[in-house]
Amino acid sequence: MSAGIAVVVGASGALGSAVADRLRAEGLAVVAVARGGPCAADIGSDSAVDAIAAGVAAAGDGPVRMVVQAAGLPAAGPLETIAPGALGHAVALKCGGLLRLARAVDDRLVRGSRIVALGGHYGIEPAPYACAAGVTNAALANLVRQLAIAYGPRGVTAHLVAPGPADTPRLRGLSEQAAQRRGVPVEQVLAERAAESPLGRLVTPGEVAWAVATLLAPEADALHGSTLGLDMGARRGIF
């Protein structure tokens, strides 16, 4: 397939910006979507559909080869203190946002195009300190499977990329909040997150971007509907 367009939602964040840079390096024209970005849109609002469609139109006439939902979740607290309504808000942002993104580019998707969502390890490996992330990313995996069923007959594939704790400013901010609640140094909390992996380290944004870009390959059809785990071996279950 010839070079085309990629749309990255959450392009101002550490993971989204790394993905956008990597896709540009692959020769794609990137429409960077963020509340204050070149394509300004709030993916939590239905108005994002028209805003993203306009951004894609401005990027040219080529096909949309990949869309990436990389919007991060707001801090919501652990299970014991999270506001129950925050769960619904988180799911609406990530899952509703993915659906808005797909609808915004539906008429520009072609055989071999990829719909990609960045989820997370806690959707598979529940952890009470990451309540909203776990619930939301589990729901996101279900939605990706639904998209895979719906878009598969058109030759468009859907994928979930699920990193473990990633070395980003957001993780440090969340760790600082946890450290304050527990009365321990932030370095201890960060070390605990890294220790979840047998490798003893965090995933990097560059590694996440590499995995997303790999899905551009024609052979990635075989990963249609699946979850690509980037958890550094932290997951304990077999499936």
C-alpha atoms as a PDB file:
ATOM      1  CA  MET A   1       0.000   0.000   0.000  1.00  0.00           C
ATOM      2  CA  SER A   2       1.294   3.505  -0.786  1.00  0.00           C
ATOM      3  CA  ALA A   3       2.045   6.039   1.927  1.00  0.00           C
ATOM      4  CA  GLY A   4      -1.034   7.607   3.414  1.00  0.00           C
ATOM      5  CA  ILE A   5      -2.348   9.241   6.554  1.00  0.00           C
ATOM      6  CA  ALA A   6      -2.241   8.275  10.225  1.00  0.00           C
ATOM      7  CA  VAL A   7      -4.408   9.834  12.933  1.00  0.00           C
ATOM      8  CA  VAL A   8      -3.082   9.836  16.494  1.00  0.00           C
ATOM      9  CA  VAL A   9      -5.398  10.900  19.322  1.00  0.00           C
ATOM     10  CA  GLY A  10      -3.584  12.000  22.465  1.00  0.00           C
ATOM     11  CA  ALA A  11      -0.613  13.178  20.433  1.00  0.00           C
ATOM     12  CA  SER A  12       0.482  15.633  23.125  1.00  0.00           C
ATOM     13  CA  GLY A  13       1.121  12.857  25.658  1.00  0.00           C
ATOM     14  CA  ALA A  14       4.346  10.918  26.064  1.00  0.00           C
ATOM     15  CA  LEU A  15       3.058   7.752  24.377  1.00  0.00           C
ATOM     16  CA  GLY A  16       1.005   9.529  21.717  1.00  0.00           C
ATOM     17  CA  SER A  17       3.835  11.838  20.719  1.00  0.00           C
ATOM     18  CA  ALA A  18       6.263   8.924  20.449  1.00  0.00           C
ATOM     19  CA  VAL A  19       3.788   7.046  18.252  1.00  0.00           C
ATOM     20  CA  ALA A  20       3.219  10.109  16.068  1.00  0.00           C
ATOM     21  CA  ASP A  21       6.971  10.601  15.590  1.00  0.00           C
ATOM     22  CA  ARG A  22       7.465   6.955  14.690  1.00  0.00           C
ATOM     23  CA  LEU A  23       4.641   6.967  12.136  1.00  0.00           C
ATOM     24  CA  ARG A  24       6.061  10.114  10.530  1.00  0.00           C
ATOM     25  CA  ALA A  25       9.372   8.288  10.243  1.00  0.00           C
ATOM     26  CA  GLU A  26       7.480   5.532   8.422  1.00  0.00           C
ATOM     27  CA  GLY A  27       6.491   8.098   5.792  1.00  0.00           C
ATOM     28  CA  LEU A  28       2.906   8.748   6.864  1.00  0.00           C
ATOM     29  CA  ALA A  29       1.285  12.152   7.132  1.00  0.00           C
ATOM     30  CA  VAL A  30       0.218  12.347  10.775  1.00  0.00           C
ATOM     31  CA  VAL A  31      -2.883  14.171  11.954  1.00  0.00           C
ATOM     32  CA  ALA A  32      -2.034  14.886  15.592  1.00  0.00           C
ATOM     33  CA  VAL A  33      -5.214  15.176  17.649  1.00  0.00           C
ATOM     34  CA  ALA A  34      -5.181  16.805  21.088  1.00  0.00           C
ATOM     35  CA  ARG A  35      -7.197  19.431  22.886  1.00  0.00           C
ATOM     36  CA  GLY A  36      -4.482  21.972  22.155  1.00  0.00           C
ATOM     37  CA  GLY A  37      -2.860  20.268  19.177  1.00  0.00           C
ATOM     38  CA  PRO A  38      -2.693  20.951  15.446  1.00  0.00           C
ATOM     39  CA  CYS A  39      -6.020  19.118  15.133  1.00  0.00           C
ATOM     40  CA  ALA A  40      -7.827  20.450  18.199  1.00  0.00           C
ATOM     41  CA  ALA A  41     -10.501  18.075  19.432  1.00  0.00           C
ATOM     42  CA  ASP A  42     -11.872  16.689  22.680  1.00  0.00           C
ATOM     43  CA  ILE A  43     -12.118  12.957  22.050  1.00  0.00           C
ATOM     44  CA  GLY A  44     -14.577  12.754  24.933  1.00  0.00           C
ATOM     45  CA  SER A  45     -17.112  14.773  22.938  1.00  0.00           C
ATOM     46  CA  ASP A  46     -19.068  13.810  19.821  1.00  0.00           C
ATOM     47  CA  SER A  47     -17.835  17.057  18.240  1.00  0.00           C
ATOM     48  CA  ALA A  48     -14.492  15.301  17.799  1.00  0.00           C
ATOM     49  CA  VAL A  49     -15.896  13.304  14.878  1.00  0.00           C
ATOM     50  CA  ASP A  50     -16.278  16.345  12.648  1.00  0.00           C
ATOM     51  CA  ALA A  51     -13.048  17.944  13.905  1.00  0.00           C
ATOM     52  CA  ILE A  52     -10.973  14.847  13.113  1.00  0.00           C
ATOM     53  CA  ALA A  53     -12.662  14.379   9.735  1.00  0.00           C
ATOM     54  CA  ALA A  54     -11.751  17.969   8.868  1.00  0.00           C
ATOM     55  CA  GLY A  55      -8.158  17.398   9.961  1.00  0.00           C
ATOM     56  CA  VAL A  56      -7.889  14.319   7.788  1.00  0.00           C
ATOM     57  CA  ALA A  57      -9.347  16.177   4.810  1.00  0.00           C
ATOM     58  CA  ALA A  58      -6.736  18.900   5.251  1.00  0.00           C
ATOM     59  CA  ALA A  59      -3.956  16.292   5.300  1.00  0.00           C
ATOM     60  CA  GLY A  60      -4.626  15.184   1.732  1.00  0.00           C
ATOM     61  CA  ASP A  61      -6.484  12.686  -0.402  1.00  0.00           C
ATOM     62  CA  GLY A  62      -4.619   9.532   0.545  1.00  0.00           C
ATOM     63  CA  PRO A  63      -6.058   6.629   2.493  1.00  0.00           C
ATOM     64  CA  VAL A  64      -6.029   6.548   6.277  1.00  0.00           C
ATOM     65  CA  ARG A  65      -3.678   3.686   6.941  1.00  0.00           C
ATOM     66  CA  MET A  66      -3.817   3.798  10.721  1.00  0.00           C
ATOM     67  CA  VAL A  67      -5.709   5.447  13.545  1.00  0.00           C
ATOM     68  CA  VAL A  68      -4.418   5.289  17.117  1.00  0.00           C
ATOM     69  CA  GLN A  69      -6.435   6.032  20.247  1.00  0.00           C
ATOM     70  CA  ALA A  70      -3.679   7.025  22.677  1.00  0.00           C
ATOM     71  CA  ALA A  71      -5.578   9.422  24.927  1.00  0.00           C
ATOM     72  CA  GLY A  72      -4.579   9.041  28.565  1.00  0.00           C
ATOM     73  CA  LEU A  73      -6.964   8.723  31.483  1.00  0.00           C
ATOM     74  CA  PRO A  74      -7.262  11.356  34.196  1.00  0.00           C
ATOM     75  CA  ALA A  75      -6.092  10.362  37.659  1.00  0.00           C
ATOM     76  CA  ALA A  76      -8.984   8.753  39.539  1.00  0.00           C
ATOM     77  CA  GLY A  77      -7.439   7.164  42.605  1.00  0.00           C
ATOM     78  CA  PRO A  78      -7.294   3.597  43.928  1.00  0.00           C
ATOM     79  CA  LEU A  79     -10.232   1.268  44.511  1.00  0.00           C
ATOM     80  CA  GLU A  80     -10.764   2.332  48.109  1.00  0.00           C
ATOM     81  CA  THR A  81     -11.222   6.036  47.271  1.00  0.00           C
ATOM     82  CA  ILE A  82     -12.235   6.300  43.603  1.00  0.00           C
ATOM     83  CA  ALA A  83     -15.541   8.050  42.943  1.00  0.00           C
ATOM     84  CA  PRO A  84     -17.848   5.438  41.370  1.00  0.00           C
ATOM     85  CA  GLY A  85     -18.843   7.855  38.620  1.00  0.00           C
ATOM     86  CA  ALA A  86     -15.204   8.166  37.577  1.00  0.00           C
ATOM     87  CA  LEU A  87     -15.348   4.643  36.160  1.00  0.00           C
ATOM     88  CA  GLY A  88     -18.066   5.591  33.699  1.00  0.00           C
ATOM     89  CA  HIS A  89     -16.204   8.744  32.720  1.00  0.00           C
ATOM     90  CA  ALA A  90     -13.007   6.782  32.039  1.00  0.00           C
ATOM     91  CA  VAL A  91     -14.773   4.187  29.898  1.00  0.00           C
ATOM     92  CA  ALA A  92     -16.598   6.919  27.964  1.00  0.00           C
ATOM     93  CA  LEU A  93     -13.320   8.675  27.227  1.00  0.00           C
ATOM     94  CA  LYS A  94     -11.303   5.673  26.047  1.00  0.00           C
ATOM     95  CA  CYS A  95     -13.996   3.466  24.501  1.00  0.00           C
ATOM     96  CA  GLY A  96     -16.289   6.222  23.300  1.00  0.00           C
ATOM     97  CA  GLY A  97     -13.231   8.023  21.982  1.00  0.00           C
ATOM     98  CA  LEU A  98     -12.133   4.999  19.967  1.00  0.00           C
ATOM     99  CA  LEU A  99     -15.589   4.723  18.437  1.00  0.00           C
ATOM    100  CA  ARG A 100     -15.602   8.442  17.566  1.00  0.00           C
ATOM    101  CA  LEU A 101     -12.182   8.089  15.968  1.00  0.00           C
ATOM    102  CA  ALA A 102     -13.280   5.157  13.820  1.00  0.00           C
ATOM    103  CA  ARG A 103     -16.396   6.994  12.689  1.00  0.00           C
ATOM    104  CA  ALA A 104     -14.438  10.125  11.806  1.00  0.00           C
ATOM    105  CA  VAL A 105     -12.310   8.252   9.253  1.00  0.00           C
ATOM    106  CA  ASP A 106     -14.630   5.436   8.208  1.00  0.00           C
ATOM    107  CA  ASP A 107     -14.900   6.576   4.601  1.00  0.00           C
ATOM    108  CA  ARG A 108     -11.101   6.865   4.287  1.00  0.00           C
ATOM    109  CA  LEU A 109     -10.248   3.381   5.529  1.00  0.00           C
ATOM    110  CA  VAL A 110      -9.093   0.874   2.916  1.00  0.00           C
ATOM    111  CA  ARG A 111      -8.053  -2.758   2.863  1.00  0.00           C
ATOM    112  CA  GLY A 112      -4.992  -3.025   5.089  1.00  0.00           C
ATOM    113  CA  SER A 113      -5.868  -0.025   7.274  1.00  0.00           C
ATOM    114  CA  ARG A 114      -5.390  -0.463  11.027  1.00  0.00           C
ATOM    115  CA  ILE A 115      -7.541   0.652  13.963  1.00  0.00           C
ATOM    116  CA  VAL A 116      -5.314   0.676  17.040  1.00  0.00           C
ATOM    117  CA  ALA A 117      -6.062   1.402  20.685  1.00  0.00           C
ATOM    118  CA  LEU A 118      -3.494   1.788  23.442  1.00  0.00           C
ATOM    119  CA  GLY A 119      -4.833  -0.065  26.436  1.00  0.00           C
ATOM    120  CA  GLY A 120      -2.812  -1.395  29.311  1.00  0.00           C
ATOM    121  CA  HIS A 121      -1.582  -4.306  31.346  1.00  0.00           C
ATOM    122  CA  TYR A 122      -4.074  -3.685  34.165  1.00  0.00           C
ATOM    123  CA  GLY A 123      -6.995  -4.530  31.899  1.00  0.00           C
ATOM    124  CA  ILE A 124      -5.726  -8.107  31.967  1.00  0.00           C
ATOM    125  CA  GLU A 125      -3.961  -8.186  35.340  1.00  0.00           C
ATOM    126  CA  PRO A 126      -6.283  -6.392  37.812  1.00  0.00           C
ATOM    127  CA  ALA A 127      -4.701  -4.142  40.446  1.00  0.00           C
ATOM    128  CA  PRO A 128      -6.794  -2.165  42.965  1.00  0.00           C
ATOM    129  CA  TYR A 129      -4.362   0.765  42.855  1.00  0.00           C
ATOM    130  CA  ALA A 130      -5.169   1.164  39.139  1.00  0.00           C
ATOM    131  CA  CYS A 131      -8.940   0.699  39.354  1.00  0.00           C
ATOM    132  CA  ALA A 132     -10.077   2.944  36.492  1.00  0.00           C
ATOM    133  CA  ALA A 133      -7.283   1.818  34.184  1.00  0.00           C
ATOM    134  CA  GLY A 134      -8.112  -1.840  34.761  1.00  0.00           C
ATOM    135  CA  VAL A 135     -11.857  -1.517  34.211  1.00  0.00           C
ATOM    136  CA  THR A 136     -11.457   0.773  31.205  1.00  0.00           C
ATOM    137  CA  ASN A 137      -8.820  -1.257  29.437  1.00  0.00           C
ATOM    138  CA  ALA A 138     -10.790  -4.467  29.917  1.00  0.00           C
ATOM    139  CA  ALA A 139     -13.759  -2.752  28.250  1.00  0.00           C
ATOM    140  CA  LEU A 140     -11.449  -1.470  25.514  1.00  0.00           C
ATOM    141  CA  ALA A 141     -10.353  -5.018  24.700  1.00  0.00           C
ATOM    142  CA  ASN A 142     -13.990  -5.997  24.240  1.00  0.00           C
ATOM    143  CA  LEU A 143     -14.626  -3.030  21.942  1.00  0.00           C
ATOM    144  CA  VAL A 144     -11.569  -3.820  19.845  1.00  0.00           C
ATOM    145  CA  ARG A 145     -12.935  -7.332  19.298  1.00  0.00           C
ATOM    146  CA  GLN A 146     -16.276  -5.866  18.233  1.00  0.00           C
ATOM    147  CA  LEU A 147     -14.529  -3.537  15.789  1.00  0.00           C
ATOM    148  CA  ALA A 148     -12.552  -6.497  14.466  1.00  0.00           C
ATOM    149  CA  ILE A 149     -15.773  -8.349  13.687  1.00  0.00           C
ATOM    150  CA  ALA A 150     -17.416  -5.312  12.115  1.00  0.00           C
ATOM    151  CA  TYR A 151     -14.491  -4.099   9.992  1.00  0.00           C
ATOM    152  CA  GLY A 152     -12.873  -7.427   9.150  1.00  0.00           C
ATOM    153  CA  PRO A 153     -14.982  -8.077   6.020  1.00  0.00           C
ATOM    154  CA  ARG A 154     -13.615  -4.802   4.607  1.00  0.00           C
ATOM    155  CA  GLY A 155     -10.015  -5.912   5.169  1.00  0.00           C
ATOM    156  CA  VAL A 156      -9.572  -3.333   7.956  1.00  0.00           C
ATOM    157  CA  THR A 157      -8.026  -4.750  11.112  1.00  0.00           C
ATOM    158  CA  ALA A 158      -8.372  -3.736  14.771  1.00  0.00           C
ATOM    159  CA  HIS A 159      -5.710  -4.123  17.442  1.00  0.00           C
ATOM    160  CA  LEU A 160      -5.158  -3.469  21.131  1.00  0.00           C
ATOM    161  CA  VAL A 161      -1.631  -2.639  22.299  1.00  0.00           C
ATOM    162  CA  ALA A 162      -1.366  -3.180  26.055  1.00  0.00           C
ATOM    163  CA  PRO A 163       1.801  -1.802  27.650  1.00  0.00           C
ATOM    164  CA  GLY A 164       2.761  -2.412  31.236  1.00  0.00           C
ATOM    165  CA  PRO A 165       3.616   0.602  33.413  1.00  0.00           C
ATOM    166  CA  ALA A 166       5.376   3.036  31.088  1.00  0.00           C
ATOM    167  CA  ASP A 167       8.179   5.450  31.933  1.00  0.00           C
ATOM    168  CA  THR A 168       6.229   8.669  31.393  1.00  0.00           C
ATOM    169  CA  PRO A 169       5.570  11.925  33.254  1.00  0.00           C
ATOM    170  CA  ARG A 170       2.022  10.681  33.853  1.00  0.00           C
ATOM    171  CA  LEU A 171       3.252   7.590  35.707  1.00  0.00           C
ATOM    172  CA  ARG A 172       5.553   9.744  37.821  1.00  0.00           C
ATOM    173  CA  GLY A 173       2.645  12.043  38.677  1.00  0.00           C
ATOM    174  CA  LEU A 174       0.424   9.134  39.681  1.00  0.00           C
ATOM    175  CA  SER A 175       3.280   7.641  41.680  1.00  0.00           C
ATOM    176  CA  GLU A 176       3.787  10.918  43.515  1.00  0.00           C
ATOM    177  CA  GLN A 177       0.116  10.905  44.508  1.00  0.00           C
ATOM    178  CA  ALA A 178       0.384   7.317  45.708  1.00  0.00           C
ATOM    179  CA  ALA A 179       3.558   8.128  47.626  1.00  0.00           C
ATOM    180  CA  GLN A 180       1.828  10.990  49.417  1.00  0.00           C
ATOM    181  CA  ARG A 181      -1.128   8.784  50.373  1.00  0.00           C
ATOM    182  CA  ARG A 182       1.147   6.090  51.734  1.00  0.00           C
ATOM    183  CA  GLY A 183       3.779   8.357  53.273  1.00  0.00           C
ATOM    184  CA  VAL A 184       6.666   6.823  51.334  1.00  0.00           C
ATOM    185  CA  PRO A 185       9.198   8.247  48.833  1.00  0.00           C
ATOM    186  CA  VAL A 186       8.063   8.397  45.207  1.00  0.00           C
ATOM    187  CA  GLU A 187      11.158   6.398  44.241  1.00  0.00           C
ATOM    188  CA  GLN A 188       9.778   3.480  46.270  1.00  0.00           C
ATOM    189  CA  VAL A 189       6.488   3.522  44.359  1.00  0.00           C
ATOM    190  CA  LEU A 190       8.275   3.724  41.002  1.00  0.00           C
ATOM    191  CA  ALA A 191      10.529   0.847  42.027  1.00  0.00           C
ATOM    192  CA  GLU A 192       7.447  -1.202  42.914  1.00  0.00           C
ATOM    193  CA  ARG A 193       5.970  -0.594  39.465  1.00  0.00           C
ATOM    194  CA  ALA A 194       9.244  -1.597  37.797  1.00  0.00           C
ATOM    195  CA  ALA A 195       9.506  -4.701  40.007  1.00  0.00           C
ATOM    196  CA  GLU A 196       6.224  -5.999  38.590  1.00  0.00           C
ATOM    197  CA  SER A 197       8.317  -7.092  35.599  1.00  0.00           C
ATOM    198  CA  PRO A 198      10.905  -9.868  35.859  1.00  0.00           C
ATOM    199  CA  LEU A 199      13.176  -7.511  33.926  1.00  0.00           C
ATOM    200  CA  GLY A 200      12.840  -4.975  36.711  1.00  0.00           C
ATOM    201  CA  ARG A 201      12.150  -1.991  34.500  1.00  0.00           C
ATOM    202  CA  LEU A 202       9.389   0.047  32.916  1.00  0.00           C
ATOM    203  CA  VAL A 203       8.247   0.077  29.299  1.00  0.00           C
ATOM    204  CA  THR A 204       9.502   3.075  27.319  1.00  0.00           C
ATOM    205  CA  PRO A 205       7.423   5.243  24.959  1.00  0.00           C
ATOM    206  CA  GLY A 206       9.796   4.278  22.167  1.00  0.00           C
ATOM    207  CA  GLU A 207       9.020   0.599  22.658  1.00  0.00           C
ATOM    208  CA  VAL A 208       5.292   1.300  22.512  1.00  0.00           C
ATOM    209  CA  ALA A 209       5.770   3.332  19.316  1.00  0.00           C
ATOM    210  CA  TRP A 210       7.788   0.497  17.775  1.00  0.00           C
ATOM    211  CA  ALA A 211       4.991  -1.979  18.461  1.00  0.00           C
ATOM    212  CA  VAL A 212       2.357   0.300  16.934  1.00  0.00           C
ATOM    213  CA  ALA A 213       4.442   0.922  13.810  1.00  0.00           C
ATOM    214  CA  THR A 214       4.988  -2.827  13.408  1.00  0.00           C
ATOM    215  CA  LEU A 215       1.248  -3.184  12.807  1.00  0.00           C
ATOM    216  CA  LEU A 216       1.670  -1.346   9.490  1.00  0.00           C
ATOM    217  CA  ALA A 217       3.216  -4.493   8.012  1.00  0.00           C
ATOM    218  CA  PRO A 218       0.898  -6.590   5.818  1.00  0.00           C
ATOM    219  CA  GLU A 219       1.704  -9.603   8.001  1.00  0.00           C
ATOM    220  CA  ALA A 220      -0.027  -7.859  10.929  1.00  0.00           C
ATOM    221  CA  ASP A 221      -3.331  -9.045   9.445  1.00  0.00           C
ATOM    222  CA  ALA A 222      -2.648 -12.167  11.521  1.00  0.00           C
ATOM    223  CA  LEU A 223      -2.971 -10.074  14.704  1.00  0.00           C
ATOM    224  CA  HIS A 224      -6.477  -8.898  13.802  1.00  0.00           C
ATOM    225  CA  GLY A 225      -8.618  -8.510  16.926  1.00  0.00           C
ATOM    226  CA  SER A 226      -5.848  -9.510  19.305  1.00  0.00           C
ATOM    227  CA  THR A 227      -4.082  -7.833  22.210  1.00  0.00           C
ATOM    228  CA  LEU A 228      -0.366  -7.204  21.824  1.00  0.00           C
ATOM    229  CA  GLY A 229       1.075  -7.311  25.343  1.00  0.00           C
ATOM    230  CA  LEU A 230       4.076  -5.126  26.170  1.00  0.00           C
ATOM    231  CA  ASP A 231       4.155  -5.873  29.875  1.00  0.00           C
ATOM    232  CA  MET A 232       7.811  -6.884  30.237  1.00  0.00           C
ATOM    233  CA  GLY A 233       6.697 -10.303  31.476  1.00  0.00           C
ATOM    234  CA  ALA A 234       4.623  -8.873  34.329  1.00  0.00           C
ATOM    235  CA  ARG A 235       1.501 -10.816  33.433  1.00  0.00           C
ATOM    236  CA  ARG A 236       1.177 -13.963  35.498  1.00  0.00           C
ATOM    237  CA  GLY A 237      -1.689 -15.709  33.707  1.00  0.00           C
ATOM    238  CA  ILE A 238      -1.275 -18.069  30.769  1.00  0.00           C
ATOM    239  CA  PHE A 239      -3.960 -16.568  28.506  1.00  0.00           C
END
